[in-house]
Every structure is written in C-alpha cells, then in structure tokens.
Amino acid sequence: MIDVLIVEDEMPSARRLKALIGTCAPDFNIVAILDSIADTKQFLANNKVELIFLDIHLADGNSFELFETETINTPIIFTTAFDQYAIQAFDQNSIGYLLKPVSSDKLQLAIDKFRAAFNNKGQAAIDYQKLGQLIAEQQSSPEYRERFLVHYRDIIKTINTTDVAYLFAENRGVYLRTFDGHQYDINQTLEQLSEELNPRSFFRANRKFIININSIVEAHLYSKSKLKLELRPSPDSEVIISSEKAAKFKQWLSK
C-alpha cells in the first residue's frame, strides 16, 4: 500500500478526490485529510507518507508557505484553479497537477506520472519553493470574469459581475441574482464559476452559494460555530457557512 495525504480545505472536494483515488488507485491508502498549513506542518513532523495531494489555497493561507520553513521531499500532486500559463510552471517543476474540478482521466495521468517517478530512484528532488515563486510571477495580474452573457426571453444581454449579488445552485440548475432582484439561469457549474470570479469579491459560501461581498448585510452566529448570512436581496433558502469554513470566511471578509 502507498500511504497518501490529502490537504484540501473544501470537504466536498476532498471527499470527491478520495473517492476518485479509490477508483484509480486501489493501492493508495488515504491516511489523513487536512485543511490547513498548520495542521499539515504538524502532521508531517510526526508522520511519513509517500505522496501528498496538496490544494494551493488553504484555510490559513497559500500552501507554498509550507516550503518556506519546511524541507519536504515527499512527491506532491497539486490541486489548483490556476490558468494555463501558470500550469507551465507545474509541468516543469512538479510531479503533477490537477485542475479543479478534478476529472478521473487527469487524475489517472497524474498518478501514472507519480508511479514512474516513484519507481525511478534517480528522480531529482523538486524545489517547491522555486515552483511557488514561478507561479506567483505568472499570476501577478490574473484575469477574472467581468461580465455574464444571459438570455431573457428573446433578448441576449450582459450583466457585469459587480451587479451580481450571488450565484446559487437549485434543482440541477445554476442561477445568478442581481442586486436589483432579477434572476437568470447560466450554463456553468459553481465549481467553474468559483475559478473564474475574483476571489476578493466572491466567496464560495457552501455547495449551493457563491456570494458577492457587497451582498452581505450581516453574519449571525449559528449552532456549532457555524455562521448564518443575511444577504440582499434575500435568497429563497438559508445561506450557512460551516464551522470548517468560518475562519476562512472571516479572513476573506476582513481583507
């Protein structure tokens, strides 16, 4: 068995990745799923694994901060939402990378690359700190979606992202609602949208909602350290921030 660590702060994504790994690599043993840099540092100080699946953006910062203070020789497959230009750095400087949402065929390719390197005792060590610097350089001015093209009856119109209060999934569809209360359906998943929208303005609150920071009226303490959001315009269902994501939400809100 090959001992594997998953570091991912979105639990639905972590569970999905674990399930895909179970199908693509039955000999992989998932020993832990962690969601922060701090927990990962502590785990690696006391445990050894043979492969790490590492998300770039974690609850307490950028995962490349790990390599500023720690020497990690364990092979890493990154999970990322970076665009094709930053991917060039991954191609040249890592065991593998997976663009979100992770697909089974891309996962299989990354695992095959790992197996080839794992069996090659002469495999050169990877400078993950250098990789982080390369990606930071290529991502210095990322481009995010600025508008949506929507259909309303027989009319095609554009809506600026600044006019979008939130996006939500309902009844197998995905919709956006503007600040003036209009609602439109869009042919994309929330996973795709979360990668295209500026993270300074939009936050993936849960599996059903992506919210604009300007739509937040108040956040109320809820059971077991959860948060309940009051938005404008008021949505048709409650918007709950899980206890696992509450710290990340507060950090985002305070920037």
Protein backbone atom coordinates (compact mmCIF):
# COMPACT_ATOMS: atom_id res chain seq x y z
CA MET A 1 0.00 0.00 0.00
CA ILE A 2 1.10 3.57 -0.70
CA ASP A 3 0.34 5.98 2.15
CA VAL A 4 -1.22 9.21 0.87
CA LEU A 5 -2.11 12.55 2.50
CA ILE A 6 -4.83 14.85 1.13
CA VAL A 7 -4.63 18.55 2.04
CA GLU A 8 -7.82 20.32 0.91
CA ASP A 9 -9.99 22.83 2.77
CA GLU A 10 -13.17 22.19 0.75
CA MET A 11 -14.56 19.00 2.24
CA PRO A 12 -16.83 18.16 -0.73
CA SER A 13 -13.76 18.41 -2.99
CA ALA A 14 -11.72 16.32 -0.55
CA ARG A 15 -14.36 13.60 -0.39
CA ARG A 16 -14.69 13.57 -4.18
CA LEU A 17 -10.92 13.34 -4.63
CA LYS A 18 -10.75 10.49 -2.12
CA ALA A 19 -13.45 8.60 -3.99
CA LEU A 20 -11.69 9.12 -7.34
CA ILE A 21 -8.38 7.95 -5.87
CA GLY A 22 -10.10 4.82 -4.56
CA THR A 23 -11.20 4.04 -8.11
CA CYS A 24 -8.00 5.00 -9.96
CA ALA A 25 -5.50 3.67 -7.41
CA PRO A 26 -6.90 1.00 -5.06
CA ASP A 27 -3.42 0.52 -3.58
CA PHE A 28 -3.39 4.11 -2.25
CA ASN A 29 -4.12 4.35 1.48
CA ILE A 30 -5.52 7.77 2.48
CA VAL A 31 -4.07 8.20 5.97
CA ALA A 32 -5.47 11.70 6.63
CA ILE A 33 -7.37 14.63 5.15
CA LEU A 34 -6.19 18.03 6.44
CA ASP A 35 -7.39 21.56 5.66
CA SER A 36 -4.67 23.95 6.80
CA ILE A 37 -0.95 24.74 6.63
CA ALA A 38 -0.61 24.49 10.40
CA ASP A 39 -2.15 21.02 10.60
CA THR A 40 -0.05 19.84 7.65
CA LYS A 41 3.18 21.02 9.27
CA GLN A 42 2.29 19.23 12.50
CA PHE A 43 1.30 16.04 10.69
CA LEU A 44 4.47 15.87 8.57
CA ALA A 45 6.63 16.49 11.63
CA ASN A 46 5.34 13.24 13.14
CA ASN A 47 4.31 11.11 10.16
CA LYS A 48 5.64 9.97 6.81
CA VAL A 49 3.65 9.49 3.63
CA GLU A 50 4.71 8.59 0.10
CA LEU A 51 2.52 11.07 -1.77
CA ILE A 52 0.66 14.30 -0.98
CA PHE A 53 -2.31 15.77 -2.82
CA LEU A 54 -2.00 19.47 -1.97
CA ASP A 55 -4.50 22.26 -2.62
CA ILE A 56 -2.92 25.65 -3.32
CA HIS A 57 -5.37 27.83 -1.37
CA LEU A 58 -5.98 26.63 2.18
CA ALA A 59 -7.96 27.96 5.11
CA ASP A 60 -4.93 29.72 6.61
CA GLY A 61 -3.02 30.80 3.51
CA ASN A 62 -1.15 29.72 0.39
CA SER A 63 0.20 26.18 0.67
CA PHE A 64 3.58 27.24 -0.75
CA GLU A 65 4.20 28.81 2.65
CA LEU A 66 4.92 25.24 3.75
CA PHE A 67 8.17 25.23 1.82
CA GLU A 68 9.44 28.49 3.26
CA THR A 69 10.16 26.86 6.62
CA GLU A 70 9.97 23.12 5.93
CA THR A 71 12.06 20.78 3.78
CA ILE A 72 9.61 18.44 2.09
CA ASN A 73 10.94 15.71 -0.17
CA THR A 74 7.66 13.85 -0.50
CA PRO A 75 6.25 13.85 -4.07
CA ILE A 76 3.33 16.25 -4.42
CA ILE A 77 0.40 16.37 -6.82
CA PHE A 78 -1.13 19.83 -6.64
CA THR A 79 -4.82 20.61 -6.99
CA THR A 80 -5.30 24.06 -8.41
CA ALA A 81 -7.51 26.54 -10.24
CA PHE A 82 -4.56 28.34 -11.88
CA ASP A 83 -4.80 29.14 -15.57
CA GLN A 84 -2.88 27.56 -18.45
CA TYR A 85 0.07 29.97 -18.22
CA ALA A 86 0.83 29.16 -14.60
CA ILE A 87 0.41 25.48 -15.46
CA GLN A 88 3.66 25.67 -17.43
CA ALA A 89 5.47 26.02 -14.11
CA PHE A 90 3.76 22.88 -12.81
CA ASP A 91 4.72 20.98 -15.96
CA GLN A 92 8.37 21.70 -15.42
CA ASN A 93 8.67 21.60 -11.64
CA SER A 94 6.26 19.12 -10.05
CA ILE A 95 5.17 15.51 -10.08
CA GLY A 96 1.75 16.58 -11.29
CA TYR A 97 -1.16 18.94 -11.00
CA LEU A 98 -4.93 18.62 -11.20
CA LEU A 99 -7.19 21.42 -12.36
CA LYS A 100 -10.42 21.72 -10.41
CA PRO A 101 -12.92 20.20 -10.77
CA VAL A 102 -10.74 17.09 -10.84
CA SER A 103 -11.56 14.54 -13.54
CA SER A 104 -10.79 10.84 -13.31
CA ASP A 105 -8.73 10.78 -16.52
CA LYS A 106 -6.49 13.68 -15.41
CA LEU A 107 -6.12 12.07 -12.00
CA GLN A 108 -5.05 8.82 -13.63
CA LEU A 109 -2.40 10.62 -15.70
CA ALA A 110 -1.01 12.33 -12.60
CA ILE A 111 -0.92 9.03 -10.70
CA ASP A 112 0.84 7.33 -13.62
CA LYS A 113 3.43 10.11 -13.63
CA PHE A 114 3.93 9.64 -9.90
CA ARG A 115 4.37 5.88 -10.28
CA ALA A 116 7.01 6.38 -12.98
CA ALA A 117 8.91 8.82 -10.77
CA PHE A 118 8.37 6.70 -7.66
CA ASN A 119 9.98 3.70 -9.34
CA ASN A 120 12.87 5.83 -10.62
CA LYS A 121 15.37 6.01 -7.78
CA GLY A 122 17.34 8.65 -9.65
CA GLN A 123 14.44 11.12 -9.69
CA ALA A 124 15.73 14.61 -8.94
CA ALA A 125 14.41 16.46 -5.92
CA ILE A 126 11.88 19.18 -6.71
CA ASP A 127 12.40 22.73 -5.47
CA TYR A 128 8.86 23.55 -4.36
CA GLN A 129 9.87 26.98 -3.10
CA LYS A 130 11.10 27.85 -6.60
CA LEU A 131 7.85 26.49 -8.03
CA GLY A 132 5.86 28.78 -5.76
CA GLN A 133 7.90 31.78 -6.90
CA LEU A 134 7.41 30.89 -10.58
CA ILE A 135 3.66 30.62 -10.15
CA ALA A 136 3.49 33.87 -8.18
CA GLU A 137 5.32 35.64 -11.03
CA GLN A 138 2.95 34.22 -13.65
CA GLN A 139 -0.11 35.04 -11.53
CA SER A 140 0.87 38.62 -10.71
CA SER A 141 -2.09 40.01 -12.63
CA PRO A 142 -4.70 37.27 -13.12
CA GLU A 143 -7.70 37.95 -15.30
CA TYR A 144 -11.13 37.27 -13.84
CA ARG A 145 -14.58 37.24 -15.40
CA GLU A 146 -16.03 40.73 -15.72
CA ARG A 147 -19.49 40.01 -17.13
CA PHE A 148 -22.07 37.35 -17.90
CA LEU A 149 -23.98 36.83 -21.13
CA VAL A 150 -27.55 35.83 -20.27
CA HIS A 151 -30.79 35.13 -22.14
CA TYR A 152 -34.01 36.78 -21.07
CA ARG A 153 -36.99 35.78 -23.20
CA ASP A 154 -35.87 36.69 -26.73
CA ILE A 155 -33.17 39.08 -25.55
CA ILE A 156 -29.46 38.47 -25.01
CA LYS A 157 -27.94 40.87 -22.50
CA THR A 158 -24.74 41.29 -20.50
CA ILE A 159 -24.54 41.64 -16.72
CA ASN A 160 -21.43 42.98 -15.02
CA THR A 161 -20.11 40.85 -12.18
CA THR A 162 -20.32 43.94 -9.96
CA ASP A 163 -24.11 43.76 -10.38
CA VAL A 164 -24.28 40.10 -9.26
CA ALA A 165 -25.30 39.66 -5.62
CA TYR A 166 -24.83 35.90 -5.58
CA LEU A 167 -24.95 32.73 -7.66
CA PHE A 168 -26.68 29.58 -6.49
CA ALA A 169 -27.49 26.01 -7.47
CA GLU A 170 -31.08 24.80 -7.34
CA ASN A 171 -32.97 21.90 -8.91
CA ARG A 172 -29.99 20.84 -11.05
CA GLY A 173 -29.61 24.36 -12.43
CA VAL A 174 -27.32 27.30 -11.63
CA TYR A 175 -28.62 30.85 -11.42
CA LEU A 176 -27.36 34.35 -10.73
CA ARG A 177 -29.33 37.00 -8.91
CA THR A 178 -28.57 40.67 -9.34
CA PHE A 179 -28.77 43.35 -6.67
CA ASP A 180 -31.98 44.62 -8.22
CA GLY A 181 -33.59 41.21 -7.71
CA HIS A 182 -33.55 39.82 -11.26
CA GLN A 183 -32.66 36.16 -11.73
CA TYR A 184 -31.07 34.43 -14.73
CA ASP A 185 -30.00 30.87 -15.40
CA ILE A 186 -26.42 30.24 -16.57
CA ASN A 187 -24.93 27.17 -18.17
CA GLN A 188 -22.00 26.63 -15.80
CA THR A 189 -21.32 24.84 -12.55
CA LEU A 190 -20.48 26.62 -9.32
CA GLU A 191 -17.08 24.88 -9.43
CA GLN A 192 -16.31 26.52 -12.77
CA LEU A 193 -17.62 29.89 -11.64
CA SER A 194 -15.58 29.88 -8.43
CA GLU A 195 -12.44 29.66 -10.57
CA GLU A 196 -13.49 32.50 -12.90
CA LEU A 197 -14.67 35.08 -10.35
CA ASN A 198 -12.32 37.41 -8.48
CA PRO A 199 -11.78 35.84 -5.02
CA ARG A 200 -11.50 39.27 -3.45
CA SER A 201 -15.14 39.94 -4.34
CA PHE A 202 -16.73 36.47 -4.42
CA PHE A 203 -16.67 33.65 -1.87
CA ARG A 204 -17.87 30.04 -2.18
CA ALA A 205 -20.07 30.00 0.91
CA ASN A 206 -21.16 26.37 0.58
CA ARG A 207 -22.06 23.82 -2.07
CA LYS A 208 -25.09 25.91 -3.12
CA PHE A 209 -23.93 29.56 -2.98
CA ILE A 210 -21.21 31.87 -4.25
CA ILE A 211 -21.72 35.30 -2.72
CA ASN A 212 -20.58 38.82 -3.56
CA ILE A 213 -19.02 40.55 -0.55
CA ASN A 214 -21.28 43.56 -1.17
CA SER A 215 -24.40 41.41 -0.78
CA ILE A 216 -23.66 40.65 2.88
CA VAL A 217 -25.82 42.56 5.32
CA GLU A 218 -24.94 40.63 8.49
CA ALA A 219 -23.45 37.35 9.66
CA HIS A 220 -25.04 35.69 12.67
CA LEU A 221 -23.52 33.09 14.96
CA TYR A 222 -25.22 29.74 14.39
CA SER A 223 -25.07 26.33 16.03
CA LYS A 224 -21.66 24.64 16.48
CA SER A 225 -19.60 27.63 15.33
CA LYS A 226 -21.47 27.95 12.04
CA LEU A 227 -22.46 31.30 10.56
CA LYS A 228 -25.80 32.26 9.02
CA LEU A 229 -25.66 35.06 6.45
CA GLU A 230 -28.22 37.74 5.77
CA LEU A 231 -27.93 38.83 2.15
CA ARG A 232 -29.50 41.44 -0.09
CA PRO A 233 -31.63 40.66 -1.91
CA SER A 234 -32.83 37.95 0.44
CA PRO A 235 -32.35 34.44 -1.05
CA ASP A 236 -35.08 31.80 -1.03
CA SER A 237 -33.05 29.48 1.22
CA GLU A 238 -30.70 29.94 4.16
CA VAL A 239 -27.01 30.59 3.49
CA ILE A 240 -24.96 28.76 6.13
CA ILE A 241 -21.17 28.88 6.50
CA SER A 242 -19.89 25.64 8.00
CA SER A 243 -17.72 25.65 11.12
CA GLU A 244 -14.83 24.32 9.00
CA LYS A 245 -15.09 27.27 6.60
CA ALA A 246 -15.99 30.01 9.10
CA ALA A 247 -12.37 31.04 9.76
CA LYS A 248 -11.61 31.31 6.06
CA PHE A 249 -14.77 33.36 5.54
CA LYS A 250 -13.85 35.78 8.32
CA GLN A 251 -10.36 36.16 6.91
CA TRP A 252 -11.80 36.92 3.46
CA LEU A 253 -14.32 39.37 4.90
CA SER A 254 -11.63 41.34 6.71
CA LYS A 255 -9.32 41.86 3.71
